[in-house]
Amino acid sequence: MKLLARLYIYYFYTIMALLFFVFMPPIYIFCTWEKTYPIVQFLRVWWGRISMILAAYFVKVEWPENLDKKRNYVVVFNHTSHLDIVLSFAVLYPISLRFIGKAELSKIPLFGKFFRTIDISVQRDDPNDARKAFGRADEALDKGYSVAMAPEGGTSKNPPKLREFKSGAFRLAIQHQVPILALTIYDNWLIMPSNGIPRGPRISRIKVHAPIETKDMQLNDYKALSDKVFQTLASDLQKAFPKEMH
């Protein structure tokens, strides 16, 4: 079994590298102009989908009734793995997502191009940088994009348990009166833990919850909204992983 696991790791990273060099050149080029961002979205969706298929990771999605994919949302999800972002934009397409992520992502060669253009990087411990990042998120929502972020502020240190939520996503949704679209991502911590070492073929389950409207909410309602989403995701994870959640 150890030999098979090692062979799978070599196979996984070989596939990821090959697909990276196929998709990255056009993505890199089209990130240059905002008018070609829809092409970037399309390419990275298929980059993610093809990667998952070739890696033998299969996705099972539970959808709410009549989700309007023409609206824009603030998308939030529990964060346990590097796969979470890839799966989010692959599953939710054609919703056009711009991710808010930690500033370190913008420093990754080539991949960091996303977080210097179409996506939004934020230095969380720098208040000025955080204001600028959320200013860019404001602009994105005004232009009809959805923005996505992990309200835990990083990957869980004890998955599948949730970390305490930060307020940014919920304040942003209320300010713009756009719905919160919450995702429960169940299995990515088992498929690829935050240490980045992939495990064998699995099914990744995702639940897309019914949007939570923020119309007529006031900014001081953000805590109640955050708590509601936290309890929703925690309840899902408790049912799926009762032993691990204790």
C-alpha atoms as a PDB file:
ATOM      1  CA  MET A   1       0.000   0.000   0.000  1.00  0.00           C
ATOM      2  CA  LYS A   2       2.846   2.382   0.745  1.00  0.00           C
ATOM      3  CA  LEU A   3       4.230   1.781  -2.753  1.00  0.00           C
ATOM      4  CA  LEU A   4       0.827   2.466  -4.337  1.00  0.00           C
ATOM      5  CA  ALA A   5       0.456   5.626  -2.270  1.00  0.00           C
ATOM      6  CA  ARG A   6       3.887   6.835  -3.359  1.00  0.00           C
ATOM      7  CA  LEU A   7       3.173   6.042  -7.010  1.00  0.00           C
ATOM      8  CA  TYR A   8      -0.113   7.935  -6.768  1.00  0.00           C
ATOM      9  CA  ILE A   9       1.668  11.010  -5.394  1.00  0.00           C
ATOM     10  CA  TYR A  10       4.128  10.947  -8.322  1.00  0.00           C
ATOM     11  CA  TYR A  11       1.249  10.503 -10.771  1.00  0.00           C
ATOM     12  CA  PHE A  12      -0.780  13.317  -9.171  1.00  0.00           C
ATOM     13  CA  TYR A  13       1.985  15.903  -9.313  1.00  0.00           C
ATOM     14  CA  THR A  14       2.976  14.896 -12.845  1.00  0.00           C
ATOM     15  CA  ILE A  15      -0.602  15.393 -14.038  1.00  0.00           C
ATOM     16  CA  MET A  16      -0.907  18.709 -12.195  1.00  0.00           C
ATOM     17  CA  ALA A  17       2.365  19.962 -13.692  1.00  0.00           C
ATOM     18  CA  LEU A  18       1.387  18.997 -17.239  1.00  0.00           C
ATOM     19  CA  LEU A  19      -2.018  20.645 -16.975  1.00  0.00           C
ATOM     20  CA  PHE A  20      -0.441  23.701 -15.381  1.00  0.00           C
ATOM     21  CA  PHE A  21       1.821  24.237 -18.377  1.00  0.00           C
ATOM     22  CA  VAL A  22      -1.055  23.646 -20.818  1.00  0.00           C
ATOM     23  CA  PHE A  23      -3.481  26.072 -19.184  1.00  0.00           C
ATOM     24  CA  MET A  24      -1.207  28.655 -17.610  1.00  0.00           C
ATOM     25  CA  PRO A  25       0.115  30.465 -20.739  1.00  0.00           C
ATOM     26  CA  PRO A  26      -3.337  31.529 -22.033  1.00  0.00           C
ATOM     27  CA  ILE A  27      -4.561  32.222 -18.499  1.00  0.00           C
ATOM     28  CA  TYR A  28      -1.509  34.369 -17.835  1.00  0.00           C
ATOM     29  CA  ILE A  29      -2.104  36.342 -21.031  1.00  0.00           C
ATOM     30  CA  PHE A  30      -5.855  36.872 -20.522  1.00  0.00           C
ATOM     31  CA  CYS A  31      -5.335  38.010 -16.909  1.00  0.00           C
ATOM     32  CA  THR A  32      -3.784  41.146 -18.382  1.00  0.00           C
ATOM     33  CA  TRP A  33      -7.089  42.795 -19.351  1.00  0.00           C
ATOM     34  CA  GLU A  34     -10.275  42.913 -17.331  1.00  0.00           C
ATOM     35  CA  LYS A  35     -12.403  42.513 -20.451  1.00  0.00           C
ATOM     36  CA  THR A  36     -10.904  39.033 -20.931  1.00  0.00           C
ATOM     37  CA  TYR A  37     -11.480  37.915 -17.308  1.00  0.00           C
ATOM     38  CA  PRO A  38     -14.465  35.750 -18.415  1.00  0.00           C
ATOM     39  CA  ILE A  39     -12.021  33.756 -20.561  1.00  0.00           C
ATOM     40  CA  VAL A  40      -9.791  33.310 -17.515  1.00  0.00           C
ATOM     41  CA  GLN A  41     -12.777  32.064 -15.524  1.00  0.00           C
ATOM     42  CA  PHE A  42     -13.664  29.562 -18.233  1.00  0.00           C
ATOM     43  CA  LEU A  43     -10.094  28.278 -18.549  1.00  0.00           C
ATOM     44  CA  ARG A  44      -9.483  27.814 -14.857  1.00  0.00           C
ATOM     45  CA  VAL A  45     -12.832  26.080 -14.410  1.00  0.00           C
ATOM     46  CA  TRP A  46     -11.799  23.509 -16.966  1.00  0.00           C
ATOM     47  CA  TRP A  47      -8.290  23.362 -15.549  1.00  0.00           C
ATOM     48  CA  GLY A  48      -9.874  22.433 -12.216  1.00  0.00           C
ATOM     49  CA  ARG A  49     -12.397  19.987 -13.649  1.00  0.00           C
ATOM     50  CA  ILE A  50      -9.909  18.133 -15.828  1.00  0.00           C
ATOM     51  CA  SER A  51      -7.401  18.018 -12.978  1.00  0.00           C
ATOM     52  CA  MET A  52      -9.956  16.441 -10.681  1.00  0.00           C
ATOM     53  CA  ILE A  53     -11.018  13.851 -13.251  1.00  0.00           C
ATOM     54  CA  LEU A  54      -7.457  12.790 -14.074  1.00  0.00           C
ATOM     55  CA  ALA A  55      -6.580  12.650 -10.386  1.00  0.00           C
ATOM     56  CA  ALA A  56      -9.601  10.346  -9.870  1.00  0.00           C
ATOM     57  CA  TYR A  57     -11.279  12.797  -7.520  1.00  0.00           C
ATOM     58  CA  PHE A  58     -14.991  12.816  -8.214  1.00  0.00           C
ATOM     59  CA  VAL A  59     -17.338  15.512  -7.006  1.00  0.00           C
ATOM     60  CA  LYS A  60     -20.829  14.983  -5.635  1.00  0.00           C
ATOM     61  CA  VAL A  61     -22.768  18.229  -5.222  1.00  0.00           C
ATOM     62  CA  GLU A  62     -26.002  18.820  -3.344  1.00  0.00           C
ATOM     63  CA  TRP A  63     -27.769  21.874  -4.770  1.00  0.00           C
ATOM     64  CA  PRO A  64     -30.535  24.079  -3.399  1.00  0.00           C
ATOM     65  CA  GLU A  65     -33.638  24.448  -5.506  1.00  0.00           C
ATOM     66  CA  ASN A  66     -33.541  27.013  -8.308  1.00  0.00           C
ATOM     67  CA  LEU A  67     -30.178  28.626  -7.542  1.00  0.00           C
ATOM     68  CA  ASP A  68     -29.910  31.753  -9.686  1.00  0.00           C
ATOM     69  CA  LYS A  69     -26.423  31.630 -11.181  1.00  0.00           C
ATOM     70  CA  LYS A  70     -26.925  35.004 -12.838  1.00  0.00           C
ATOM     71  CA  ARG A  71     -26.877  36.825  -9.487  1.00  0.00           C
ATOM     72  CA  ASN A  72     -23.761  37.786  -7.639  1.00  0.00           C
ATOM     73  CA  TYR A  73     -23.017  36.570  -4.137  1.00  0.00           C
ATOM     74  CA  VAL A  74     -20.530  36.631  -1.337  1.00  0.00           C
ATOM     75  CA  VAL A  75     -19.468  32.986  -1.286  1.00  0.00           C
ATOM     76  CA  VAL A  76     -18.112  31.467   1.929  1.00  0.00           C
ATOM     77  CA  PHE A  77     -16.844  27.970   2.654  1.00  0.00           C
ATOM     78  CA  ASN A  78     -15.081  25.953   5.328  1.00  0.00           C
ATOM     79  CA  HIS A  79     -11.380  25.727   4.518  1.00  0.00           C
ATOM     80  CA  THR A  80      -9.335  22.575   5.098  1.00  0.00           C
ATOM     81  CA  SER A  81      -7.376  21.994   1.884  1.00  0.00           C
ATOM     82  CA  HIS A  82      -5.682  23.547  -1.142  1.00  0.00           C
ATOM     83  CA  LEU A  83      -8.441  21.909  -3.200  1.00  0.00           C
ATOM     84  CA  ASP A  84     -11.188  24.096  -1.726  1.00  0.00           C
ATOM     85  CA  ILE A  85     -10.666  27.050  -4.057  1.00  0.00           C
ATOM     86  CA  VAL A  86     -10.281  24.840  -7.144  1.00  0.00           C
ATOM     87  CA  LEU A  87     -13.498  22.991  -6.371  1.00  0.00           C
ATOM     88  CA  SER A  88     -15.417  26.158  -5.556  1.00  0.00           C
ATOM     89  CA  PHE A  89     -14.937  27.839  -8.914  1.00  0.00           C
ATOM     90  CA  ALA A  90     -15.266  24.542 -10.810  1.00  0.00           C
ATOM     91  CA  VAL A  91     -18.564  23.652  -9.130  1.00  0.00           C
ATOM     92  CA  LEU A  92     -20.208  27.099  -9.111  1.00  0.00           C
ATOM     93  CA  TYR A  93     -19.464  28.080 -12.717  1.00  0.00           C
ATOM     94  CA  PRO A  94     -20.942  30.086 -14.495  1.00  0.00           C
ATOM     95  CA  ILE A  95     -21.045  32.213 -11.338  1.00  0.00           C
ATOM     96  CA  SER A  96     -17.996  34.416 -11.893  1.00  0.00           C
ATOM     97  CA  LEU A  97     -15.872  34.285  -8.753  1.00  0.00           C
ATOM     98  CA  ARG A  98     -13.080  36.532  -7.583  1.00  0.00           C
ATOM     99  CA  PHE A  99     -11.316  35.084  -4.569  1.00  0.00           C
ATOM    100  CA  ILE A 100      -9.967  36.975  -1.592  1.00  0.00           C
ATOM    101  CA  GLY A 101      -6.901  35.199  -0.229  1.00  0.00           C
ATOM    102  CA  LYS A 102      -3.853  35.796   1.893  1.00  0.00           C
ATOM    103  CA  ALA A 103      -1.123  37.976   0.387  1.00  0.00           C
ATOM    104  CA  GLU A 104       1.380  35.106   0.310  1.00  0.00           C
ATOM    105  CA  LEU A 105      -0.552  33.599  -2.599  1.00  0.00           C
ATOM    106  CA  SER A 106       0.355  36.556  -4.804  1.00  0.00           C
ATOM    107  CA  LYS A 107       4.042  35.704  -4.394  1.00  0.00           C
ATOM    108  CA  ILE A 108       3.794  32.192  -5.852  1.00  0.00           C
ATOM    109  CA  PRO A 109       5.484  32.157  -9.297  1.00  0.00           C
ATOM    110  CA  LEU A 110       2.963  32.218 -12.160  1.00  0.00           C
ATOM    111  CA  PHE A 111       0.037  31.111  -9.951  1.00  0.00           C
ATOM    112  CA  GLY A 112       0.358  34.381  -8.038  1.00  0.00           C
ATOM    113  CA  LYS A 113      -0.689  36.195 -11.221  1.00  0.00           C
ATOM    114  CA  PHE A 114      -4.314  35.438 -10.247  1.00  0.00           C
ATOM    115  CA  PHE A 115      -3.977  37.305  -6.964  1.00  0.00           C
ATOM    116  CA  ARG A 116      -2.375  40.304  -8.601  1.00  0.00           C
ATOM    117  CA  THR A 117      -5.124  40.631 -11.231  1.00  0.00           C
ATOM    118  CA  ILE A 118      -8.450  38.789 -11.277  1.00  0.00           C
ATOM    119  CA  ASP A 119      -8.402  37.773  -7.603  1.00  0.00           C
ATOM    120  CA  ILE A 120      -7.702  39.849  -4.500  1.00  0.00           C
ATOM    121  CA  SER A 121      -4.844  39.387  -2.066  1.00  0.00           C
ATOM    122  CA  VAL A 122      -4.935  40.747   1.457  1.00  0.00           C
ATOM    123  CA  GLN A 123      -2.300  41.175   4.140  1.00  0.00           C
ATOM    124  CA  ARG A 124      -4.552  40.385   7.088  1.00  0.00           C
ATOM    125  CA  ASP A 125      -2.304  41.893   9.748  1.00  0.00           C
ATOM    126  CA  ASP A 126      -1.992  45.183   7.842  1.00  0.00           C
ATOM    127  CA  PRO A 127      -5.136  47.335   8.319  1.00  0.00           C
ATOM    128  CA  ASN A 128      -4.294  49.601   5.371  1.00  0.00           C
ATOM    129  CA  ASP A 129      -3.812  46.659   3.020  1.00  0.00           C
ATOM    130  CA  ALA A 130      -7.006  45.047   4.298  1.00  0.00           C
ATOM    131  CA  ARG A 131      -8.950  48.234   3.520  1.00  0.00           C
ATOM    132  CA  LYS A 132      -7.508  48.317   0.007  1.00  0.00           C
ATOM    133  CA  ALA A 133      -8.381  44.647  -0.530  1.00  0.00           C
ATOM    134  CA  PHE A 134     -11.966  45.117   0.582  1.00  0.00           C
ATOM    135  CA  GLY A 135     -12.123  48.218  -1.596  1.00  0.00           C
ATOM    136  CA  ARG A 136     -11.296  45.984  -4.565  1.00  0.00           C
ATOM    137  CA  ALA A 137     -13.964  43.543  -3.393  1.00  0.00           C
ATOM    138  CA  ASP A 138     -16.454  46.445  -3.293  1.00  0.00           C
ATOM    139  CA  GLU A 139     -15.589  47.267  -6.904  1.00  0.00           C
ATOM    140  CA  ALA A 140     -15.929  43.629  -7.960  1.00  0.00           C
ATOM    141  CA  LEU A 141     -19.404  43.321  -6.442  1.00  0.00           C
ATOM    142  CA  ASP A 142     -20.454  46.618  -8.018  1.00  0.00           C
ATOM    143  CA  LYS A 143     -19.405  45.238 -11.414  1.00  0.00           C
ATOM    144  CA  GLY A 144     -21.526  42.122 -10.955  1.00  0.00           C
ATOM    145  CA  TYR A 145     -18.848  39.654  -9.909  1.00  0.00           C
ATOM    146  CA  SER A 146     -19.217  37.366  -6.931  1.00  0.00           C
ATOM    147  CA  VAL A 147     -16.456  37.332  -4.346  1.00  0.00           C
ATOM    148  CA  ALA A 148     -15.431  34.259  -2.387  1.00  0.00           C
ATOM    149  CA  MET A 149     -13.437  33.836   0.785  1.00  0.00           C
ATOM    150  CA  ALA A 150     -12.876  31.494   3.696  1.00  0.00           C
ATOM    151  CA  PRO A 151     -14.274  33.287   6.765  1.00  0.00           C
ATOM    152  CA  GLU A 152     -11.973  31.224   9.007  1.00  0.00           C
ATOM    153  CA  GLY A 153      -9.084  33.300   7.654  1.00  0.00           C
ATOM    154  CA  GLY A 154      -7.044  30.234   6.705  1.00  0.00           C
ATOM    155  CA  THR A 155      -7.137  26.447   6.719  1.00  0.00           C
ATOM    156  CA  SER A 156      -8.453  24.713   9.795  1.00  0.00           C
ATOM    157  CA  LYS A 157      -5.719  23.478  12.110  1.00  0.00           C
ATOM    158  CA  ASN A 158      -7.957  20.667  13.355  1.00  0.00           C
ATOM    159  CA  PRO A 159     -10.187  19.598  10.449  1.00  0.00           C
ATOM    160  CA  PRO A 160     -13.039  19.114  10.024  1.00  0.00           C
ATOM    161  CA  LYS A 161     -13.640  21.422  13.011  1.00  0.00           C
ATOM    162  CA  LEU A 162     -14.256  25.059  12.117  1.00  0.00           C
ATOM    163  CA  ARG A 163     -12.147  27.947  13.304  1.00  0.00           C
ATOM    164  CA  GLU A 164     -13.837  31.104  14.532  1.00  0.00           C
ATOM    165  CA  PHE A 165     -15.217  33.188  11.667  1.00  0.00           C
ATOM    166  CA  LYS A 166     -13.899  36.639  10.848  1.00  0.00           C
ATOM    167  CA  SER A 167     -16.420  39.342  10.014  1.00  0.00           C
ATOM    168  CA  GLY A 168     -15.266  40.605   6.589  1.00  0.00           C
ATOM    169  CA  ALA A 169     -17.428  38.439   4.337  1.00  0.00           C
ATOM    170  CA  PHE A 170     -20.603  39.173   6.269  1.00  0.00           C
ATOM    171  CA  ARG A 171     -20.005  42.905   6.492  1.00  0.00           C
ATOM    172  CA  LEU A 172     -19.321  42.947   2.747  1.00  0.00           C
ATOM    173  CA  ALA A 173     -22.554  41.099   1.931  1.00  0.00           C
ATOM    174  CA  ILE A 174     -24.637  43.438   4.086  1.00  0.00           C
ATOM    175  CA  GLN A 175     -22.988  46.578   2.723  1.00  0.00           C
ATOM    176  CA  HIS A 176     -23.818  45.526  -0.832  1.00  0.00           C
ATOM    177  CA  GLN A 177     -27.148  43.867   0.034  1.00  0.00           C
ATOM    178  CA  VAL A 178     -26.111  40.709  -1.820  1.00  0.00           C
ATOM    179  CA  PRO A 179     -26.858  37.194  -0.564  1.00  0.00           C
ATOM    180  CA  ILE A 180     -24.420  34.951   1.260  1.00  0.00           C
ATOM    181  CA  LEU A 181     -23.899  31.662  -0.596  1.00  0.00           C
ATOM    182  CA  ALA A 182     -22.426  29.127   1.815  1.00  0.00           C
ATOM    183  CA  LEU A 183     -20.702  25.889   0.849  1.00  0.00           C
ATOM    184  CA  THR A 184     -20.018  22.933   3.104  1.00  0.00           C
ATOM    185  CA  ILE A 185     -16.963  21.119   1.746  1.00  0.00           C
ATOM    186  CA  TYR A 186     -16.853  17.767   3.497  1.00  0.00           C
ATOM    187  CA  ASP A 187     -13.977  15.630   2.303  1.00  0.00           C
ATOM    188  CA  ASN A 188     -11.086  17.713   0.989  1.00  0.00           C
ATOM    189  CA  TRP A 189      -9.193  17.421   4.274  1.00  0.00           C
ATOM    190  CA  LEU A 190      -9.145  13.657   3.666  1.00  0.00           C
ATOM    191  CA  ILE A 191      -8.240  13.960  -0.028  1.00  0.00           C
ATOM    192  CA  MET A 192      -5.498  16.557   0.239  1.00  0.00           C
ATOM    193  CA  PRO A 193      -4.699  17.792   3.757  1.00  0.00           C
ATOM    194  CA  SER A 194      -3.308  21.281   4.219  1.00  0.00           C
ATOM    195  CA  ASN A 195       0.224  19.825   4.068  1.00  0.00           C
ATOM    196  CA  GLY A 196      -0.418  19.355   0.338  1.00  0.00           C
ATOM    197  CA  ILE A 197       0.213  15.594   0.185  1.00  0.00           C
ATOM    198  CA  PRO A 198      -2.540  14.016  -1.955  1.00  0.00           C
ATOM    199  CA  ARG A 199      -4.208  10.756  -1.032  1.00  0.00           C
ATOM    200  CA  GLY A 200      -5.800   8.201  -3.305  1.00  0.00           C
ATOM    201  CA  PRO A 201      -9.010   8.428  -5.342  1.00  0.00           C
ATOM    202  CA  ARG A 202     -12.055   9.635  -3.407  1.00  0.00           C
ATOM    203  CA  ILE A 203     -15.398  11.351  -3.778  1.00  0.00           C
ATOM    204  CA  SER A 204     -15.495  14.971  -2.629  1.00  0.00           C
ATOM    205  CA  ARG A 205     -18.917  15.949  -1.329  1.00  0.00           C
ATOM    206  CA  ILE A 206     -20.054  19.560  -1.434  1.00  0.00           C
ATOM    207  CA  LYS A 207     -23.325  21.057  -0.241  1.00  0.00           C
ATOM    208  CA  VAL A 208     -24.378  24.384  -1.729  1.00  0.00           C
ATOM    209  CA  HIS A 209     -26.832  25.973   0.663  1.00  0.00           C
ATOM    210  CA  ALA A 210     -29.788  28.131  -0.266  1.00  0.00           C
ATOM    211  CA  PRO A 211     -28.666  31.775  -0.481  1.00  0.00           C
ATOM    212  CA  ILE A 212     -29.170  33.851   2.660  1.00  0.00           C
ATOM    213  CA  GLU A 213     -30.614  37.214   1.709  1.00  0.00           C
ATOM    214  CA  THR A 214     -29.162  40.328   3.315  1.00  0.00           C
ATOM    215  CA  LYS A 215     -31.692  42.796   1.957  1.00  0.00           C
ATOM    216  CA  ASP A 216     -32.738  45.274   4.661  1.00  0.00           C
ATOM    217  CA  MET A 217     -30.066  44.024   7.081  1.00  0.00           C
ATOM    218  CA  GLN A 218     -28.053  46.646   8.917  1.00  0.00           C
ATOM    219  CA  LEU A 219     -24.297  46.475   9.329  1.00  0.00           C
ATOM    220  CA  ASN A 220     -24.629  45.623  13.004  1.00  0.00           C
ATOM    221  CA  ASP A 221     -26.476  42.436  11.956  1.00  0.00           C
ATOM    222  CA  TYR A 222     -23.199  40.946  10.686  1.00  0.00           C
ATOM    223  CA  LYS A 223     -22.615  38.886  13.870  1.00  0.00           C
ATOM    224  CA  ALA A 224     -26.016  37.221  13.708  1.00  0.00           C
ATOM    225  CA  LEU A 225     -25.426  36.467  10.015  1.00  0.00           C
ATOM    226  CA  SER A 226     -21.970  35.052  10.748  1.00  0.00           C
ATOM    227  CA  ASP A 227     -23.317  32.896  13.572  1.00  0.00           C
ATOM    228  CA  LYS A 228     -26.099  31.553  11.353  1.00  0.00           C
ATOM    229  CA  VAL A 229     -23.650  30.465   8.658  1.00  0.00           C
ATOM    230  CA  PHE A 230     -21.232  29.019  11.222  1.00  0.00           C
ATOM    231  CA  GLN A 231     -23.968  26.910  12.805  1.00  0.00           C
ATOM    232  CA  THR A 232     -25.190  25.730   9.395  1.00  0.00           C
ATOM    233  CA  LEU A 233     -21.756  24.491   8.339  1.00  0.00           C
ATOM    234  CA  ALA A 234     -20.917  23.089  11.775  1.00  0.00           C
ATOM    235  CA  SER A 235     -24.196  21.129  11.814  1.00  0.00           C
ATOM    236  CA  ASP A 236     -23.416  19.589   8.416  1.00  0.00           C
ATOM    237  CA  LEU A 237     -19.928  18.589   9.510  1.00  0.00           C
ATOM    238  CA  GLN A 238     -21.212  17.216  12.817  1.00  0.00           C
ATOM    239  CA  LYS A 239     -23.603  14.896  10.979  1.00  0.00           C
ATOM    240  CA  ALA A 240     -20.905  13.781   8.535  1.00  0.00           C
ATOM    241  CA  PHE A 241     -18.077  13.390  11.073  1.00  0.00           C
ATOM    242  CA  PRO A 242     -19.596  12.941  14.550  1.00  0.00           C
ATOM    243  CA  LYS A 243     -16.447  11.485  16.124  1.00  0.00           C
ATOM    244  CA  GLU A 244     -14.032  14.026  14.647  1.00  0.00           C
ATOM    245  CA  MET A 245     -16.207  17.006  15.620  1.00  0.00           C
ATOM    246  CA  HIS A 246     -16.135  16.181  19.348  1.00  0.00           C
END
